[in-house]
Structures are given as structure tokens and as C-alpha cells.
């Protein structure tokens, strides 16, 4: 796929807006043979300072393992992004167009009791209603290991401020 093919698609995706604040996600990893290998939930918190998105991800796997990753994502000109995290080799590069974001990077992934360097080709698509669908192909030396699928949803504030409550009662 080419990111430019999604330029006219709606709703428009700005990752710094989508990931600012609290976001929750659910995902799974399917190996190249179609076997479900892992399921997980992710709690995310994003802080946007107008230039850099700091995105903290807490993973909770169904087998009891937990993991934390913190991204530092810099918005560049032309819909481009660069990101760094402790388990990413070098710099992740991404570009947004319309409702799509394509992100690629090399990641240290724990497999068979050791850390393995894999390549990630990550595609995200914002859907009407605010759900972000993420599909990533994980490969090593050009051989596909599997596919990661994640569904993100922004958390809305569950409490109403005193001023908002007073205005509702008065109406």
C-alpha cells in the first residue's frame, strides 16, 4: 500500500490528537500459520506539548506478562513523524495521509526466551465513531513471522465538572 492513496479518506487522523489523554486498546498476535499466539490489553496515556507526543503504553498479556513502552514521537513537516522508544532500534519513521498512518521500525521482541530484532510495518486507520484499527506485519530478514492487530478507543471523561452539572440542572 502507498500512504498517499488514503489522502482523501475521512475522518482525518492526527496521531497527536488521537493519542493525547487516555486511550485503551485490545489486540492479538497471529503467527504466519494462522495460530493465535497472544492476546492483550493496552492502557495508553499521551501527552502532547505542541511538538512532541510522549506516549506511555502498559501491556497486559493474557498469560500474565506485563510490559511497558514509552514512545517519544516528533511531528515533522509534510505529515511525517519520527519516534523513539527503549526497545526500538534507531528511529521509527511514519507518515499520515487522510485517515491512515504508516509507521515502520525495528523492534526488540522477546521470542523463545531471548530478544530478537524484528521489522514492523504498522498501518493504522481511523474509523467513523473514533475507533483506530491497527494492523502490523512482523518480519525477520524478510520472512513474515505474523500479524499484530490492535483496536484503539479514546477514553472519554467519565465525570462531569460541577459547572457542567449546574448548567445541566438549570437548563
Protein backbone atom coordinates (compact mmCIF):
# COMPACT_ATOMS: atom_id res chain seq x y z
CA UNK A 1 0.00 0.00 0.00
CA UNK A 2 1.01 3.58 -0.54
CA UNK A 3 0.10 6.11 2.16
CA UNK A 4 -0.82 8.71 -0.48
CA UNK A 5 -3.76 6.54 -1.60
CA UNK A 6 -5.58 7.48 1.65
CA UNK A 7 -5.19 11.27 1.38
CA UNK A 8 -8.91 11.92 0.69
CA UNK A 9 -10.23 9.50 3.34
CA UNK A 10 -12.19 10.70 6.34
CA UNK A 11 -12.13 11.07 9.25
CA UNK A 12 -8.73 12.79 9.24
CA UNK A 13 -6.16 11.24 11.56
CA UNK A 14 -3.76 13.33 13.63
CA UNK A 15 -1.94 10.88 15.89
CA UNK A 16 -1.03 13.56 18.42
CA UNK A 17 -4.74 14.37 18.85
CA UNK A 18 -5.94 10.76 18.89
CA UNK A 19 -3.38 9.60 21.45
CA UNK A 20 -3.46 12.66 23.72
CA UNK A 21 -5.01 11.73 27.05
CA UNK A 22 -6.25 8.25 27.97
CA UNK A 23 -6.66 5.54 25.33
CA UNK A 24 -7.38 1.84 25.74
CA UNK A 25 -6.71 -0.94 23.26
CA UNK A 26 -7.15 -4.67 22.75
CA UNK A 27 -5.03 -6.80 20.48
CA UNK A 28 -3.80 -10.15 19.38
CA UNK A 29 -0.84 -11.67 17.60
CA UNK A 30 -1.45 -14.32 14.94
CA UNK A 31 1.55 -16.28 13.62
CA UNK A 32 2.18 -16.81 9.91
CA UNK A 33 0.37 -20.16 10.05
CA UNK A 34 -2.83 -18.59 11.40
CA UNK A 35 -2.35 -19.64 15.01
CA UNK A 36 -3.41 -17.24 17.74
CA UNK A 37 -0.29 -16.78 19.87
CA UNK A 38 -1.11 -13.93 22.26
CA UNK A 39 -3.95 -11.69 23.38
CA UNK A 40 -3.53 -8.49 25.34
CA UNK A 41 -4.97 -5.20 26.57
CA UNK A 42 -3.10 -1.90 26.49
CA UNK A 43 -3.63 1.21 28.60
CA UNK A 44 -2.11 4.28 26.96
CA UNK A 45 -1.53 7.82 28.13
CA UNK A 46 -0.39 10.51 25.75
CA UNK A 47 0.98 13.96 26.49
CA UNK A 48 1.25 16.40 23.56
CA UNK A 49 3.32 19.56 24.07
CA UNK A 50 2.73 21.06 20.63
CA UNK A 51 5.82 19.43 19.14
CA UNK A 52 6.40 16.05 20.82
CA UNK A 53 3.95 13.30 21.77
CA UNK A 54 5.07 11.27 24.78
CA UNK A 55 3.04 8.06 24.68
CA UNK A 56 3.19 5.59 27.58
CA UNK A 57 1.89 2.09 26.83
CA UNK A 58 1.19 -0.52 29.50
CA UNK A 59 0.60 -4.00 28.05
CA UNK A 60 -1.28 -6.71 29.96
CA UNK A 61 -0.99 -10.12 28.27
CA UNK A 62 -3.47 -12.94 28.84
CA UNK A 63 -0.64 -15.15 30.13
CA UNK A 64 0.04 -12.68 32.98
CA UNK A 65 3.10 -10.97 31.49
CA UNK A 66 3.21 -7.18 31.55
CA UNK A 67 5.30 -4.77 29.52
CA UNK A 68 5.82 -1.01 29.36
CA UNK A 69 6.93 1.07 26.38
CA UNK A 70 7.28 4.82 26.21
CA UNK A 71 7.36 6.48 22.81
CA UNK A 72 8.71 9.95 22.10
CA UNK A 73 7.14 10.92 18.78
CA UNK A 74 8.16 14.11 16.99
CA UNK A 75 5.84 15.67 14.42
CA UNK A 76 7.73 16.80 11.32
CA UNK A 77 6.61 18.74 8.25
CA UNK A 78 4.55 17.13 5.49
CA UNK A 79 2.62 14.71 7.71
CA UNK A 80 5.80 12.90 8.75
CA UNK A 81 6.69 11.61 12.21
CA UNK A 82 9.80 10.24 13.90
CA UNK A 83 9.68 8.16 17.05
CA UNK A 84 11.97 6.59 19.60
CA UNK A 85 11.43 4.02 22.35
CA UNK A 86 13.81 1.98 24.52
CA UNK A 87 13.16 -1.25 22.59
CA UNK A 88 13.21 0.33 19.11
CA UNK A 89 16.48 0.26 17.18
CA UNK A 90 17.27 3.72 15.83
CA UNK A 91 14.35 5.86 14.72
CA UNK A 92 10.83 4.84 13.71
CA UNK A 93 9.57 6.69 10.63
CA UNK A 94 5.94 7.34 9.83
CA UNK A 95 3.62 9.37 7.64
CA UNK A 96 -0.05 10.25 7.89
CA UNK A 97 -2.48 10.85 5.00
CA UNK A 98 -6.24 11.16 5.38
CA UNK A 99 -7.41 8.54 7.87
CA UNK A 100 -4.23 6.42 7.63
CA UNK A 101 -0.84 6.30 9.34
CA UNK A 102 2.03 4.06 8.22
CA UNK A 103 4.85 3.52 10.70
CA UNK A 104 7.91 1.30 10.30
CA UNK A 105 10.69 0.41 12.70
CA UNK A 106 12.95 -2.33 14.02
CA UNK A 107 11.90 -3.66 17.42
CA UNK A 108 13.48 -5.90 20.05
CA UNK A 109 10.89 -8.64 20.61
CA UNK A 110 11.11 -11.37 23.25
CA UNK A 111 10.78 -14.74 21.48
CA UNK A 112 11.72 -18.23 22.67
CA UNK A 113 13.38 -16.83 25.79
CA UNK A 114 15.60 -14.30 24.04
CA UNK A 115 15.41 -10.86 22.47
CA UNK A 116 15.11 -10.90 18.68
CA UNK A 117 15.37 -7.93 16.30
CA UNK A 118 12.29 -7.83 14.06
CA UNK A 119 10.91 -5.40 11.50
CA UNK A 120 7.47 -3.87 11.99
CA UNK A 121 5.33 -2.45 9.16
CA UNK A 122 2.49 -0.78 11.04
CA UNK A 123 -0.72 0.57 9.44
CA UNK A 124 -3.38 2.46 11.42
CA UNK A 125 -6.80 3.52 10.10
CA UNK A 126 -9.16 5.89 11.93
CA UNK A 127 -12.78 4.82 11.55
CA UNK A 128 -16.00 6.82 11.88
CA UNK A 129 -17.01 6.70 15.53
CA UNK A 130 -13.43 7.17 16.70
CA UNK A 131 -12.06 3.61 16.66
CA UNK A 132 -8.49 3.26 15.38
CA UNK A 133 -7.68 -0.08 13.74
CA UNK A 134 -4.01 -1.10 13.69
CA UNK A 135 -2.59 -3.94 11.63
CA UNK A 136 1.14 -4.61 11.71
CA UNK A 137 3.20 -7.21 9.89
CA UNK A 138 6.11 -8.53 11.92
CA UNK A 139 9.04 -9.98 9.96
CA UNK A 140 12.65 -11.02 10.35
CA UNK A 141 15.13 -10.96 7.47
CA UNK A 142 12.23 -10.62 5.03
CA UNK A 143 10.26 -13.61 6.38
CA UNK A 144 6.86 -12.83 7.87
CA UNK A 145 6.53 -14.06 11.46
CA UNK A 146 2.95 -12.94 11.97
CA UNK A 147 0.41 -10.17 12.20
CA UNK A 148 -0.46 -7.94 15.10
CA UNK A 149 -3.99 -6.49 15.23
CA UNK A 150 -4.96 -3.81 17.74
CA UNK A 151 -8.16 -1.80 18.21
CA UNK A 152 -7.84 1.56 20.00
CA UNK A 153 -10.56 3.65 21.66
CA UNK A 154 -10.14 7.03 23.31
CA UNK A 155 -11.39 7.19 26.88
CA UNK A 156 -13.91 9.93 27.47
CA UNK A 157 -14.04 11.70 30.80
CA UNK A 158 -16.44 9.76 32.98
CA UNK A 159 -17.04 12.59 35.40
CA UNK A 160 -18.90 15.82 34.86
CA UNK A 161 -17.49 19.02 36.33
CA UNK A 162 -19.53 20.91 38.93
CA UNK A 163 -20.07 23.79 36.46
CA UNK A 164 -21.34 21.41 33.75
CA UNK A 165 -23.68 19.70 36.23
CA UNK A 166 -25.04 23.05 37.41
CA UNK A 167 -25.64 24.16 33.80
CA UNK A 168 -27.49 20.91 33.01
CA UNK A 169 -29.71 21.24 36.07
CA UNK A 170 -30.50 24.88 35.26
CA UNK A 171 -31.49 24.05 31.65
